[in-house]
Amino acid sequence: MARPTTKQALLYAATENYHQLQEFISIMTEKELETPFDFSKDSKKKEAHWQRDKNLRDVLIHLYEWQQLLLKWIEANLQGEDRPFLPAPYNWKSYGEMNKAFWQAHQATSLATARALLEESHTSVLKLLDGLTDEQLFTKGIHRWTGTTTLGSYCVSATSSHYDWALKKLKAHRKNCK
């Protein structure tokens, strides 16, 4: 699927990829749900997230936390509060540490709670997006706070692209469980 460049395409991709992710989760076996993620034998999986996430909860919480960043950032800036996307002390060079902090903060969160949190944030993001126009989402320079990219690009990254990332990770885990 091509990266969305309109509001309609963004809403469709976010909804479709979310449903694909949820459908895959619904058919995961007990073994797949109980087996800790381990991608250490795959030399191609070097990025930090392959070692960080140990189970489905970790993946869902990662999606949830990034959607919370998106929601808080958009809402604050639309209300005139000058807020960066990443909270202090993090930046685009250190956001991996932020991801670790999200992971650590949710080690006591249950899978059921993680699922509910993601469902809630997904719904909130779609509602927020529905209230924005194509121009607000995909015109460069319309929002000073988005820098050189569009607001829609951030939204794609926190929804459809992130859901695709999660699905790929879960499929790799399934393959490891065989």
N, C-alpha and C. Protein backbone atom coordinates (compact mmCIF):
# COMPACT_ATOMS: atom_id res chain seq x y z
N MET A 1 0.84 -1.18 0.00
CA MET A 1 0.00 0.00 0.00
C MET A 1 0.89 1.24 0.00
N ALA A 2 0.57 2.19 -0.86
CA ALA A 2 1.35 3.42 -0.94
C ALA A 2 1.15 4.26 0.32
N ARG A 3 2.15 5.03 0.67
CA ARG A 3 2.05 5.91 1.84
C ARG A 3 0.96 6.95 1.59
N PRO A 4 0.01 7.09 2.50
CA PRO A 4 -1.10 8.02 2.31
C PRO A 4 -0.65 9.48 2.13
N THR A 5 -1.34 10.18 1.24
CA THR A 5 -1.07 11.59 1.01
C THR A 5 -2.35 12.42 1.04
N THR A 6 -3.45 11.79 1.44
CA THR A 6 -4.72 12.50 1.63
C THR A 6 -5.34 12.03 2.94
N LYS A 7 -6.24 12.83 3.46
CA LYS A 7 -6.94 12.46 4.69
C LYS A 7 -7.69 11.14 4.50
N GLN A 8 -8.41 11.02 3.40
CA GLN A 8 -9.18 9.80 3.14
C GLN A 8 -8.27 8.57 3.10
N ALA A 9 -7.14 8.69 2.41
CA ALA A 9 -6.20 7.57 2.32
C ALA A 9 -5.59 7.26 3.68
N LEU A 10 -5.31 8.28 4.46
CA LEU A 10 -4.75 8.09 5.80
C LEU A 10 -5.74 7.36 6.69
N LEU A 11 -6.98 7.81 6.71
CA LEU A 11 -8.00 7.15 7.54
C LEU A 11 -8.20 5.70 7.10
N TYR A 12 -8.20 5.46 5.81
CA TYR A 12 -8.37 4.11 5.30
C TYR A 12 -7.18 3.22 5.71
N ALA A 13 -5.96 3.72 5.48
CA ALA A 13 -4.77 2.93 5.79
C ALA A 13 -4.66 2.65 7.29
N ALA A 14 -4.95 3.66 8.11
CA ALA A 14 -4.88 3.48 9.56
C ALA A 14 -5.90 2.43 10.00
N THR A 15 -7.10 2.52 9.48
CA THR A 15 -8.15 1.58 9.85
C THR A 15 -7.84 0.17 9.34
N GLU A 16 -7.46 0.07 8.08
CA GLU A 16 -7.18 -1.23 7.47
C GLU A 16 -6.00 -1.93 8.16
N ASN A 17 -4.90 -1.21 8.37
CA ASN A 17 -3.73 -1.82 8.99
C ASN A 17 -4.00 -2.20 10.45
N TYR A 18 -4.80 -1.39 11.13
CA TYR A 18 -5.18 -1.73 12.50
C TYR A 18 -6.00 -3.03 12.51
N HIS A 19 -6.95 -3.13 11.60
CA HIS A 19 -7.76 -4.35 11.54
C HIS A 19 -6.91 -5.57 11.19
N GLN A 20 -5.96 -5.41 10.28
CA GLN A 20 -5.08 -6.54 9.94
C GLN A 20 -4.28 -6.97 11.16
N LEU A 21 -3.77 -5.99 11.90
CA LEU A 21 -3.01 -6.30 13.12
C LEU A 21 -3.90 -7.03 14.12
N GLN A 22 -5.09 -6.52 14.36
CA GLN A 22 -5.99 -7.14 15.32
C GLN A 22 -6.41 -8.54 14.88
N GLU A 23 -6.62 -8.70 13.59
CA GLU A 23 -6.98 -10.02 13.08
C GLU A 23 -5.86 -11.02 13.30
N PHE A 24 -4.62 -10.60 13.06
CA PHE A 24 -3.49 -11.49 13.28
C PHE A 24 -3.38 -11.85 14.75
N ILE A 25 -3.54 -10.87 15.62
CA ILE A 25 -3.46 -11.11 17.06
C ILE A 25 -4.53 -12.12 17.48
N SER A 26 -5.71 -12.00 16.90
CA SER A 26 -6.81 -12.88 17.30
C SER A 26 -6.56 -14.34 16.95
N ILE A 27 -5.67 -14.61 16.01
CA ILE A 27 -5.40 -16.01 15.65
C ILE A 27 -4.04 -16.50 16.17
N MET A 28 -3.39 -15.69 16.99
CA MET A 28 -2.15 -16.15 17.60
C MET A 28 -2.47 -17.30 18.55
N THR A 29 -1.62 -18.31 18.52
CA THR A 29 -1.83 -19.47 19.38
C THR A 29 -1.37 -19.16 20.80
N GLU A 30 -1.77 -20.03 21.71
CA GLU A 30 -1.33 -19.89 23.11
C GLU A 30 0.20 -19.95 23.18
N LYS A 31 0.79 -20.85 22.40
CA LYS A 31 2.24 -20.97 22.38
C LYS A 31 2.88 -19.66 21.91
N GLU A 32 2.33 -19.06 20.88
CA GLU A 32 2.89 -17.80 20.36
C GLU A 32 2.74 -16.67 21.37
N LEU A 33 1.63 -16.68 22.10
CA LEU A 33 1.41 -15.65 23.10
C LEU A 33 2.29 -15.84 24.33
N GLU A 34 2.61 -17.07 24.66
CA GLU A 34 3.38 -17.35 25.87
C GLU A 34 4.89 -17.38 25.63
N THR A 35 5.32 -17.61 24.41
CA THR A 35 6.75 -17.70 24.10
C THR A 35 7.35 -16.30 24.02
N PRO A 36 8.37 -16.01 24.81
CA PRO A 36 9.03 -14.69 24.72
C PRO A 36 9.65 -14.50 23.33
N PHE A 37 9.60 -13.27 22.85
CA PHE A 37 10.22 -12.95 21.57
C PHE A 37 11.72 -13.16 21.69
N ASP A 38 12.32 -13.73 20.67
CA ASP A 38 13.77 -13.91 20.62
C ASP A 38 14.20 -13.89 19.16
N PHE A 39 14.78 -12.77 18.76
CA PHE A 39 15.24 -12.61 17.38
C PHE A 39 16.76 -12.60 17.29
N SER A 40 17.42 -13.08 18.34
CA SER A 40 18.87 -13.01 18.43
C SER A 40 19.59 -13.85 17.37
N LYS A 41 18.92 -14.85 16.84
CA LYS A 41 19.57 -15.72 15.84
C LYS A 41 19.49 -15.15 14.42
N ASP A 42 18.76 -14.07 14.24
CA ASP A 42 18.61 -13.47 12.92
C ASP A 42 19.53 -12.25 12.82
N SER A 43 20.61 -12.40 12.09
CA SER A 43 21.61 -11.33 11.99
C SER A 43 21.08 -10.08 11.30
N LYS A 44 19.97 -10.17 10.60
CA LYS A 44 19.38 -9.02 9.92
C LYS A 44 18.56 -8.15 10.88
N LYS A 45 18.23 -8.67 12.03
CA LYS A 45 17.40 -7.95 12.98
C LYS A 45 18.29 -7.30 14.05
N LYS A 46 18.95 -6.22 13.65
CA LYS A 46 19.92 -5.56 14.52
C LYS A 46 19.35 -4.36 15.27
N GLU A 47 18.23 -3.77 14.76
CA GLU A 47 17.69 -2.58 15.41
C GLU A 47 17.31 -2.89 16.85
N ALA A 48 17.35 -1.87 17.70
CA ALA A 48 17.13 -2.05 19.14
C ALA A 48 15.78 -2.67 19.46
N HIS A 49 14.76 -2.36 18.68
CA HIS A 49 13.42 -2.87 19.02
C HIS A 49 13.34 -4.39 18.94
N TRP A 50 14.20 -5.02 18.16
CA TRP A 50 14.17 -6.48 18.07
C TRP A 50 14.60 -7.11 19.40
N GLN A 51 15.43 -6.43 20.14
CA GLN A 51 15.85 -6.93 21.46
C GLN A 51 14.93 -6.41 22.57
N ARG A 52 14.37 -5.21 22.40
CA ARG A 52 13.57 -4.58 23.45
C ARG A 52 12.26 -5.31 23.72
N ASP A 53 11.48 -5.52 22.71
CA ASP A 53 10.15 -6.09 22.88
C ASP A 53 10.22 -7.59 23.11
N LYS A 54 9.61 -8.06 24.18
CA LYS A 54 9.68 -9.47 24.56
C LYS A 54 8.36 -10.22 24.38
N ASN A 55 7.28 -9.46 24.09
CA ASN A 55 5.97 -10.10 23.97
C ASN A 55 4.99 -9.15 23.29
N LEU A 56 3.78 -9.64 23.08
CA LEU A 56 2.74 -8.85 22.42
C LEU A 56 2.43 -7.58 23.20
N ARG A 57 2.36 -7.67 24.51
CA ARG A 57 2.09 -6.48 25.32
C ARG A 57 3.07 -5.37 25.02
N ASP A 58 4.36 -5.71 24.93
CA ASP A 58 5.39 -4.70 24.67
C ASP A 58 5.15 -4.00 23.34
N VAL A 59 4.76 -4.75 22.34
CA VAL A 59 4.50 -4.17 21.01
C VAL A 59 3.29 -3.24 21.07
N LEU A 60 2.22 -3.70 21.70
CA LEU A 60 1.00 -2.89 21.78
C LEU A 60 1.23 -1.61 22.59
N ILE A 61 1.98 -1.72 23.66
CA ILE A 61 2.29 -0.54 24.48
C ILE A 61 3.14 0.45 23.68
N HIS A 62 4.07 -0.04 22.90
CA HIS A 62 4.88 0.84 22.06
C HIS A 62 3.98 1.65 21.11
N LEU A 63 3.05 0.97 20.47
CA LEU A 63 2.11 1.66 19.57
C LEU A 63 1.29 2.69 20.35
N TYR A 64 0.78 2.29 21.49
CA TYR A 64 -0.03 3.17 22.32
C TYR A 64 0.75 4.43 22.73
N GLU A 65 1.96 4.23 23.24
CA GLU A 65 2.73 5.39 23.72
C GLU A 65 3.05 6.37 22.60
N TRP A 66 3.36 5.86 21.40
CA TRP A 66 3.64 6.76 20.28
C TRP A 66 2.38 7.49 19.83
N GLN A 67 1.23 6.85 19.95
CA GLN A 67 -0.01 7.55 19.63
C GLN A 67 -0.32 8.61 20.68
N GLN A 68 0.04 8.34 21.93
CA GLN A 68 -0.14 9.35 22.96
C GLN A 68 0.74 10.57 22.68
N LEU A 69 1.98 10.33 22.24
CA LEU A 69 2.84 11.44 21.85
C LEU A 69 2.17 12.27 20.76
N LEU A 70 1.66 11.60 19.74
CA LEU A 70 1.01 12.27 18.62
C LEU A 70 -0.19 13.08 19.08
N LEU A 71 -1.07 12.46 19.84
CA LEU A 71 -2.28 13.15 20.29
C LEU A 71 -1.96 14.38 21.13
N LYS A 72 -1.08 14.24 22.10
CA LYS A 72 -0.73 15.35 22.98
C LYS A 72 -0.05 16.48 22.20
N TRP A 73 0.80 16.11 21.26
CA TRP A 73 1.52 17.08 20.44
C TRP A 73 0.57 17.88 19.57
N ILE A 74 -0.31 17.20 18.87
CA ILE A 74 -1.24 17.89 17.98
C ILE A 74 -2.20 18.76 18.79
N GLU A 75 -2.80 18.19 19.82
CA GLU A 75 -3.76 18.95 20.61
C GLU A 75 -3.14 20.19 21.24
N ALA A 76 -1.94 20.06 21.79
CA ALA A 76 -1.27 21.21 22.41
C ALA A 76 -0.97 22.29 21.37
N ASN A 77 -0.40 21.90 20.25
CA ASN A 77 -0.02 22.88 19.25
C ASN A 77 -1.23 23.53 18.58
N LEU A 78 -2.30 22.78 18.37
CA LEU A 78 -3.51 23.38 17.80
C LEU A 78 -4.14 24.38 18.75
N GLN A 79 -3.87 24.22 20.05
CA GLN A 79 -4.38 25.16 21.06
C GLN A 79 -3.40 26.30 21.34
N GLY A 80 -2.32 26.35 20.55
CA GLY A 80 -1.38 27.46 20.67
C GLY A 80 -0.21 27.21 21.60
N GLU A 81 -0.13 26.03 22.20
CA GLU A 81 1.00 25.70 23.07
C GLU A 81 2.14 25.17 22.20
N ASP A 82 3.27 25.81 22.28
CA ASP A 82 4.43 25.39 21.47
C ASP A 82 5.08 24.19 22.14
N ARG A 83 4.77 23.00 21.62
CA ARG A 83 5.25 21.76 22.23
C ARG A 83 5.94 20.92 21.16
N PRO A 84 7.16 20.42 21.47
CA PRO A 84 7.83 19.53 20.51
C PRO A 84 7.18 18.16 20.52
N PHE A 85 7.37 17.39 19.46
CA PHE A 85 6.79 16.06 19.39
C PHE A 85 7.36 15.15 20.48
N LEU A 86 8.66 15.12 20.59
CA LEU A 86 9.31 14.29 21.61
C LEU A 86 9.47 15.10 22.90
N PRO A 87 9.08 14.52 24.03
CA PRO A 87 9.22 15.25 25.30
C PRO A 87 10.68 15.32 25.75
N ALA A 88 11.00 16.38 26.49
CA ALA A 88 12.34 16.51 27.07
C ALA A 88 12.55 15.34 28.01
N PRO A 89 13.71 14.81 28.09
CA PRO A 89 14.98 15.26 27.50
C PRO A 89 15.30 14.61 26.16
N TYR A 90 14.31 13.99 25.51
CA TYR A 90 14.56 13.20 24.32
C TYR A 90 14.57 14.04 23.05
N ASN A 91 15.31 13.55 22.06
CA ASN A 91 15.32 14.14 20.72
C ASN A 91 15.40 12.99 19.72
N TRP A 92 15.50 13.33 18.44
CA TRP A 92 15.48 12.28 17.42
C TRP A 92 16.75 11.42 17.43
N LYS A 93 17.78 11.86 18.14
CA LYS A 93 18.98 11.02 18.28
C LYS A 93 18.88 10.11 19.50
N SER A 94 18.02 10.47 20.45
CA SER A 94 17.95 9.69 21.70
C SER A 94 16.58 9.06 21.94
N TYR A 95 15.72 9.04 20.94
CA TYR A 95 14.38 8.50 21.18
C TYR A 95 14.39 7.01 21.51
N GLY A 96 15.46 6.31 21.19
CA GLY A 96 15.57 4.91 21.59
C GLY A 96 15.52 4.77 23.11
N GLU A 97 16.11 5.72 23.80
CA GLU A 97 16.06 5.71 25.27
C GLU A 97 14.63 5.94 25.76
N MET A 98 13.90 6.79 25.04
CA MET A 98 12.50 7.03 25.38
C MET A 98 11.69 5.73 25.20
N ASN A 99 11.96 5.02 24.12
CA ASN A 99 11.27 3.75 23.89
C ASN A 99 11.56 2.76 25.02
N LYS A 100 12.80 2.74 25.49
CA LYS A 100 13.14 1.88 26.63
C LYS A 100 12.38 2.30 27.88
N ALA A 101 12.24 3.61 28.07
CA ALA A 101 11.49 4.10 29.24
C ALA A 101 10.02 3.70 29.15
N PHE A 102 9.43 3.77 27.96
CA PHE A 102 8.06 3.30 27.78
C PHE A 102 7.97 1.82 28.14
N TRP A 103 8.93 1.05 27.65
CA TRP A 103 8.95 -0.39 27.91
C TRP A 103 9.01 -0.65 29.42
N GLN A 104 9.94 0.03 30.09
CA GLN A 104 10.10 -0.17 31.54
C GLN A 104 8.85 0.22 32.31
N ALA A 105 8.22 1.32 31.91
CA ALA A 105 7.05 1.82 32.63
C ALA A 105 5.86 0.88 32.56
N HIS A 106 5.86 -0.02 31.59
CA HIS A 106 4.70 -0.89 31.38
C HIS A 106 4.97 -2.36 31.65
N GLN A 107 6.01 -2.69 32.36
CA GLN A 107 6.28 -4.10 32.62
C GLN A 107 5.24 -4.74 33.52
N ALA A 108 4.50 -3.95 34.28
CA ALA A 108 3.43 -4.49 35.12
C ALA A 108 2.06 -4.37 34.45
N THR A 109 2.02 -3.80 33.26
CA THR A 109 0.75 -3.66 32.52
C THR A 109 0.36 -5.02 31.95
N SER A 110 -0.89 -5.37 32.10
CA SER A 110 -1.36 -6.66 31.57
C SER A 110 -1.59 -6.55 30.07
N LEU A 111 -1.62 -7.70 29.41
CA LEU A 111 -1.92 -7.73 27.98
C LEU A 111 -3.31 -7.17 27.73
N ALA A 112 -4.27 -7.53 28.57
CA ALA A 112 -5.64 -7.02 28.40
C ALA A 112 -5.68 -5.50 28.48
N THR A 113 -4.94 -4.93 29.42
CA THR A 113 -4.89 -3.48 29.55
C THR A 113 -4.20 -2.85 28.35
N ALA A 114 -3.12 -3.46 27.90
CA ALA A 114 -2.41 -2.94 26.72
C ALA A 114 -3.33 -2.93 25.51
N ARG A 115 -4.10 -3.99 25.34
CA ARG A 115 -5.04 -4.05 24.22
C ARG A 115 -6.08 -2.95 24.32
N ALA A 116 -6.61 -2.73 25.51
CA ALA A 116 -7.63 -1.70 25.72
C ALA A 116 -7.05 -0.29 25.50
N LEU A 117 -5.84 -0.07 25.98
CA LEU A 117 -5.20 1.23 25.79
C LEU A 117 -4.98 1.53 24.31
N LEU A 118 -4.52 0.53 23.57
CA LEU A 118 -4.30 0.75 22.14
C LEU A 118 -5.63 0.99 21.42
N GLU A 119 -6.64 0.24 21.75
CA GLU A 119 -7.95 0.45 21.13
C GLU A 119 -8.43 1.88 21.37
N GLU A 120 -8.28 2.34 22.60
CA GLU A 120 -8.70 3.70 22.96
C GLU A 120 -7.89 4.75 22.20
N SER A 121 -6.58 4.57 22.14
CA SER A 121 -5.76 5.58 21.46
C SER A 121 -5.98 5.56 19.95
N HIS A 122 -6.17 4.37 19.38
CA HIS A 122 -6.47 4.26 17.95
C HIS A 122 -7.75 5.04 17.63
N THR A 123 -8.78 4.82 18.43
CA THR A 123 -10.05 5.51 18.23
C THR A 123 -9.87 7.02 18.38
N SER A 124 -9.10 7.45 19.35
CA SER A 124 -8.86 8.88 19.58
C SER A 124 -8.11 9.51 18.41
N VAL A 125 -7.12 8.79 17.88
CA VAL A 125 -6.37 9.31 16.74
C VAL A 125 -7.28 9.45 15.53
N LEU A 126 -8.09 8.44 15.25
CA LEU A 126 -9.01 8.52 14.10
C LEU A 126 -9.98 9.69 14.26
N LYS A 127 -10.48 9.89 15.46
CA LYS A 127 -11.41 11.00 15.72
C LYS A 127 -10.71 12.34 15.48
N LEU A 128 -9.50 12.47 15.97
CA LEU A 128 -8.74 13.69 15.76
C LEU A 128 -8.49 13.94 14.28
N LEU A 129 -8.05 12.90 13.57
CA LEU A 129 -7.78 13.03 12.14
C LEU A 129 -9.03 13.40 11.37
N ASP A 130 -10.16 12.82 11.75
CA ASP A 130 -11.40 13.11 11.07
C ASP A 130 -11.78 14.59 11.16
N GLY A 131 -11.34 15.25 12.22
CA GLY A 131 -11.64 16.67 12.41
C GLY A 131 -10.68 17.61 11.70
N LEU A 132 -9.67 17.07 11.04
CA LEU A 132 -8.69 17.89 10.31
C LEU A 132 -8.97 17.82 8.81
N THR A 133 -8.49 18.79 8.10
CA THR A 133 -8.68 18.83 6.64
C THR A 133 -7.46 18.27 5.93
N ASP A 134 -7.65 17.97 4.64
CA ASP A 134 -6.51 17.55 3.81
C ASP A 134 -5.41 18.59 3.88
N GLU A 135 -5.79 19.86 3.81
CA GLU A 135 -4.80 20.93 3.85
C GLU A 135 -4.02 20.91 5.17
N GLN A 136 -4.73 20.79 6.28
CA GLN A 136 -4.07 20.75 7.59
C GLN A 136 -3.12 19.56 7.71
N LEU A 137 -3.50 18.46 7.09
CA LEU A 137 -2.70 17.24 7.21
C LEU A 137 -1.55 17.16 6.22
N PHE A 138 -1.76 17.60 4.99
CA PHE A 138 -0.78 17.29 3.95
C PHE A 138 -0.21 18.49 3.19
N THR A 139 -0.36 19.69 3.72
CA THR A 139 0.28 20.85 3.11
C THR A 139 1.52 21.21 3.92
N LYS A 140 2.67 21.17 3.26
CA LYS A 140 3.92 21.52 3.94
C LYS A 140 3.90 23.00 4.32
N GLY A 141 4.41 23.29 5.50
CA GLY A 141 4.54 24.65 5.96
C GLY A 141 3.29 25.27 6.56
N ILE A 142 2.19 24.55 6.55
CA ILE A 142 0.95 25.11 7.10
C ILE A 142 1.02 25.22 8.62
N HIS A 143 1.76 24.31 9.24
CA HIS A 143 1.97 24.37 10.70
C HIS A 143 3.47 24.58 10.94
N ARG A 144 3.80 25.65 11.60
CA ARG A 144 5.20 25.94 11.92
C ARG A 144 5.80 24.80 12.75
N TRP A 145 5.01 24.19 13.61
CA TRP A 145 5.47 23.18 14.56
C TRP A 145 5.74 21.82 13.93
N THR A 146 5.44 21.62 12.66
CA THR A 146 5.77 20.35 12.01
C THR A 146 7.08 20.43 11.25
N GLY A 147 7.71 21.58 11.28
CA GLY A 147 9.00 21.74 10.60
C GLY A 147 8.86 21.59 9.10
N THR A 148 9.73 20.80 8.50
CA THR A 148 9.76 20.68 7.05
C THR A 148 8.88 19.56 6.51
N THR A 149 8.17 18.89 7.38
CA THR A 149 7.30 17.79 6.93
C THR A 149 5.84 18.15 7.17
N THR A 150 4.96 17.29 6.78
CA THR A 150 3.53 17.55 6.99
C THR A 150 3.05 16.88 8.27
N LEU A 151 1.97 17.40 8.80
CA LEU A 151 1.35 16.78 9.96
C LEU A 151 0.91 15.36 9.61
N GLY A 152 0.40 15.19 8.41
CA GLY A 152 -0.04 13.88 7.96
C GLY A 152 1.05 12.83 7.99
N SER A 153 2.28 13.26 7.70
CA SER A 153 3.40 12.33 7.72
C SER A 153 3.62 11.77 9.13
N TYR A 154 3.52 12.63 10.13
CA TYR A 154 3.62 12.17 11.52
C TYR A 154 2.49 11.19 11.83
N CYS A 155 1.30 11.50 11.34
CA CYS A 155 0.12 10.67 11.60
C CYS A 155 0.25 9.30 10.94
N VAL A 156 0.76 9.27 9.72
CA VAL A 156 1.00 8.00 9.03
C VAL A 156 1.98 7.16 9.84
N SER A 157 3.05 7.80 10.30
CA SER A 157 4.07 7.07 11.06
C SER A 157 3.52 6.48 12.35
N ALA A 158 2.61 7.19 13.02
CA ALA A 158 2.07 6.73 14.30
C ALA A 158 0.88 5.79 14.15
N THR A 159 0.40 5.60 12.92
CA THR A 159 -0.75 4.73 12.73
C THR A 159 -0.42 3.63 11.72
N SER A 160 -0.75 3.83 10.48
CA SER A 160 -0.65 2.75 9.49
C SER A 160 0.75 2.17 9.37
N SER A 161 1.77 3.01 9.33
CA SER A 161 3.14 2.48 9.22
C SER A 161 3.55 1.73 10.47
N HIS A 162 3.14 2.23 11.63
CA HIS A 162 3.49 1.58 12.88
C HIS A 162 2.74 0.25 13.04
N TYR A 163 1.50 0.21 12.57
CA TYR A 163 0.75 -1.05 12.61
C TYR A 163 1.42 -2.08 11.71
N ASP A 164 1.90 -1.62 10.56
CA ASP A 164 2.60 -2.52 9.65
C ASP A 164 3.88 -3.05 10.30
N TRP A 165 4.61 -2.18 10.98
CA TRP A 165 5.83 -2.58 11.71
C TRP A 165 5.49 -3.66 12.73
N ALA A 166 4.41 -3.44 13.49
CA ALA A 166 4.02 -4.39 14.54
C ALA A 166 3.63 -5.74 13.93
N LEU A 167 2.90 -5.71 12.84
CA LEU A 167 2.49 -6.95 12.19
C LEU A 167 3.69 -7.73 11.69
N LYS A 168 4.65 -7.05 11.12
CA LYS A 168 5.88 -7.73 10.65
C LYS A 168 6.61 -8.38 11.82
N LYS A 169 6.64 -7.69 12.95
CA LYS A 169 7.31 -8.24 14.12
C LYS A 169 6.59 -9.48 14.63
N LEU A 170 5.27 -9.43 14.67
CA LEU A 170 4.50 -10.57 15.15
C LEU A 170 4.62 -11.76 14.19
N LYS A 171 4.66 -11.49 12.90
CA LYS A 171 4.84 -12.57 11.93
C LYS A 171 6.23 -13.21 12.07
N ALA A 172 7.24 -12.38 12.33
CA ALA A 172 8.58 -12.92 12.56
C ALA A 172 8.61 -13.78 13.82
N HIS A 173 7.88 -13.35 14.85
CA HIS A 173 7.79 -14.14 16.08
C HIS A 173 7.11 -15.48 15.80
N ARG A 174 6.02 -15.44 15.04
CA ARG A 174 5.31 -16.68 14.70
C ARG A 174 6.27 -17.64 14.01
N LYS A 175 7.04 -17.14 13.07
CA LYS A 175 8.00 -17.97 12.34
C LYS A 175 9.00 -18.60 13.30
N ASN A 176 9.44 -17.83 14.30
CA ASN A 176 10.39 -18.36 15.29
C ASN A 176 9.77 -19.43 16.18
N CYS A 177 8.45 -19.37 16.35
CA CYS A 177 7.77 -20.34 17.20
C CYS A 177 7.56 -21.69 16.53
N LYS A 178 7.76 -21.77 15.25
CA LYS A 178 7.53 -23.03 14.51
C LYS A 178 8.67 -24.00 14.74
